[in-house]
Every structure is written in C-alpha cells, then in structure tokens.
C-alpha atoms as a PDB file:
ATOM      1  CA  MET A   1     -19.318 -12.367 -13.496  1.00  0.00           C
ATOM      2  CA  ALA A   2     -16.370 -10.694 -11.769  1.00  0.00           C
ATOM      3  CA  ARG A   3     -13.186 -12.319 -13.012  1.00  0.00           C
ATOM      4  CA  PRO A   4      -9.596 -11.295 -13.562  1.00  0.00           C
ATOM      5  CA  GLU A   5      -9.303  -9.201 -16.725  1.00  0.00           C
ATOM      6  CA  ASN A   6      -6.681 -11.591 -18.074  1.00  0.00           C
ATOM      7  CA  ARG A   7      -7.696 -15.196 -17.372  1.00  0.00           C
ATOM      8  CA  SER A   8      -4.078 -16.327 -17.827  1.00  0.00           C
ATOM      9  CA  GLU A   9      -3.319 -14.413 -14.615  1.00  0.00           C
ATOM     10  CA  ALA A  10      -5.862 -16.433 -12.600  1.00  0.00           C
ATOM     11  CA  ARG A  11      -4.693 -18.710  -9.780  1.00  0.00           C
ATOM     12  CA  ALA A  12      -6.441 -21.718  -8.251  1.00  0.00           C
ATOM     13  CA  LEU A  13      -7.618 -21.552  -4.640  1.00  0.00           C
ATOM     14  CA  SER A  14      -9.175 -24.259  -2.512  1.00  0.00           C
ATOM     15  CA  LEU A  15     -11.657 -23.376   0.249  1.00  0.00           C
ATOM     16  CA  THR A  16     -13.293 -25.244   3.089  1.00  0.00           C
ATOM     17  CA  LEU A  17     -16.648 -23.704   3.984  1.00  0.00           C
ATOM     18  CA  PRO A  18     -19.245 -24.242   6.680  1.00  0.00           C
ATOM     19  CA  ILE A  19     -22.015 -26.477   5.316  1.00  0.00           C
ATOM     20  CA  GLU A  20     -24.578 -23.668   5.606  1.00  0.00           C
ATOM     21  CA  THR A  21     -22.403 -21.422   3.436  1.00  0.00           C
ATOM     22  CA  PHE A  22     -21.905 -24.153   0.841  1.00  0.00           C
ATOM     23  CA  ASN A  23     -25.625 -24.910   0.791  1.00  0.00           C
ATOM     24  CA  TYR A  24     -26.384 -21.246   0.139  1.00  0.00           C
ATOM     25  CA  LEU A  25     -23.872 -21.192  -2.722  1.00  0.00           C
ATOM     26  CA  ALA A  26     -25.594 -24.306  -4.087  1.00  0.00           C
ATOM     27  CA  LEU A  27     -28.976 -22.544  -3.898  1.00  0.00           C
ATOM     28  CA  LEU A  28     -27.601 -19.506  -5.729  1.00  0.00           C
ATOM     29  CA  ALA A  29     -26.081 -21.788  -8.381  1.00  0.00           C
ATOM     30  CA  LEU A  30     -29.383 -23.624  -8.776  1.00  0.00           C
ATOM     31  CA  LEU A  31     -31.072 -20.265  -9.368  1.00  0.00           C
ATOM     32  CA  GLU A  32     -28.140 -19.232 -11.618  1.00  0.00           C
ATOM     33  CA  LYS A  33     -27.564 -16.119  -9.495  1.00  0.00           C
ATOM     34  CA  PRO A  34     -24.896 -14.978 -10.327  1.00  0.00           C
ATOM     35  CA  ALA A  35     -23.466 -18.177 -11.877  1.00  0.00           C
ATOM     36  CA  ARG A  36     -24.249 -21.834 -12.604  1.00  0.00           C
ATOM     37  CA  THR A  37     -22.001 -23.731 -10.191  1.00  0.00           C
ATOM     38  CA  GLU A  38     -21.107 -23.356  -6.523  1.00  0.00           C
ATOM     39  CA  ASN A  39     -17.490 -22.711  -7.488  1.00  0.00           C
ATOM     40  CA  GLU A  40     -18.422 -19.994 -10.001  1.00  0.00           C
ATOM     41  CA  VAL A  41     -20.744 -18.334  -7.468  1.00  0.00           C
ATOM     42  CA  ALA A  42     -18.007 -18.377  -4.806  1.00  0.00           C
ATOM     43  CA  THR A  43     -15.476 -17.005  -7.303  1.00  0.00           C
ATOM     44  CA  HIS A  44     -17.817 -14.190  -8.286  1.00  0.00           C
ATOM     45  CA  ILE A  45     -18.481 -13.207  -4.662  1.00  0.00           C
ATOM     46  CA  LEU A  46     -14.838 -13.435  -3.585  1.00  0.00           C
ATOM     47  CA  VAL A  47     -13.483 -11.446  -6.537  1.00  0.00           C
ATOM     48  CA  ARG A  48     -16.182  -8.782  -6.120  1.00  0.00           C
ATOM     49  CA  GLU A  49     -15.465  -8.425  -2.394  1.00  0.00           C
ATOM     50  CA  VAL A  50     -11.689  -8.241  -2.868  1.00  0.00           C
ATOM     51  CA  TYR A  51     -12.052  -5.550  -5.551  1.00  0.00           C
ATOM     52  CA  GLU A  52     -14.281  -3.562  -3.174  1.00  0.00           C
ATOM     53  CA  MET A  53     -11.769  -3.982  -0.330  1.00  0.00           C
ATOM     54  CA  VAL A  54      -8.968  -2.696  -2.573  1.00  0.00           C
ATOM     55  CA  GLU A  55     -11.115   0.270  -3.627  1.00  0.00           C
ATOM     56  CA  ARG A  56     -11.852   1.130   0.017  1.00  0.00           C
ATOM     57  CA  ARG A  57      -8.132   0.698   0.810  1.00  0.00           C
ATOM     58  CA  PHE A  58      -9.044  -1.869   3.468  1.00  0.00           C
ATOM     59  CA  HIS A  59      -5.405  -2.957   3.699  1.00  0.00           C
ATOM     60  CA  GLU A  60      -4.495   0.487   5.058  1.00  0.00           C
ATOM     61  CA  MET A  61      -7.169   0.607   7.752  1.00  0.00           C
ATOM     62  CA  ARG A  62      -6.206   0.269  11.374  1.00  0.00           C
ATOM     63  CA  ILE A  63      -8.724  -1.295  13.711  1.00  0.00           C
ATOM     64  CA  PRO A  64      -8.178   0.054  17.211  1.00  0.00           C
ATOM     65  CA  PRO A  65      -8.359  -2.344  20.149  1.00  0.00           C
ATOM     66  CA  PRO A  66     -11.438  -2.058  22.363  1.00  0.00           C
ATOM     67  CA  SER A  67     -11.105   0.832  24.815  1.00  0.00           C
ATOM     68  CA  ASP A  68     -11.605  -1.592  27.717  1.00  0.00           C
ATOM     69  CA  ALA A  69      -9.059  -4.135  26.439  1.00  0.00           C
ATOM     70  CA  GLY A  70      -8.654  -6.838  29.042  1.00  0.00           C
ATOM     71  CA  GLU A  71     -11.121  -5.332  31.481  1.00  0.00           C
ATOM     72  CA  GLY A  72     -14.330  -7.103  32.386  1.00  0.00           C
ATOM     73  CA  THR A  73     -13.942  -9.990  29.976  1.00  0.00           C
ATOM     74  CA  ILE A  74     -16.449 -12.759  30.371  1.00  0.00           C
END
C-alpha cells in the first residue's frame, strides 16, 4: 500500500465523504482491495493520487478560464 516512506513523518487527516464514496471504500475494504479497512483504502488512494499529481507537476499547471467566460451562462 502507498504510504509515506518514514511512518514517523505521517500526519492524521479527517475526511467527510459522500455516503456513496464511503460505501465504495467499504466494498473495496471488504474485498481487501487494496487494503482491509475503509481508512486504509482511502489512505492508499489519496497517497497514490498525490504522488501522481506531484510527478505530473499538477501544482504548476494553469487552468485557463473558459473562452466564453460570463457569456451565455444558464
């Protein structure tokens, strides 16, 4: 499972999730994919995604506004 290389550097985080998301984490935990508890599954997914974002340099990306910003909004 994706975890910090040095567990002593880990920090606690509390999340509030939509029930559908939590239920899916519970299903994955029940199937032990990729971990045994909802919290471990969420940790695995979050750490993996953050590492991928760092690799892709997501923090440096600029997302341009829509070309029709403010025009024709519904």
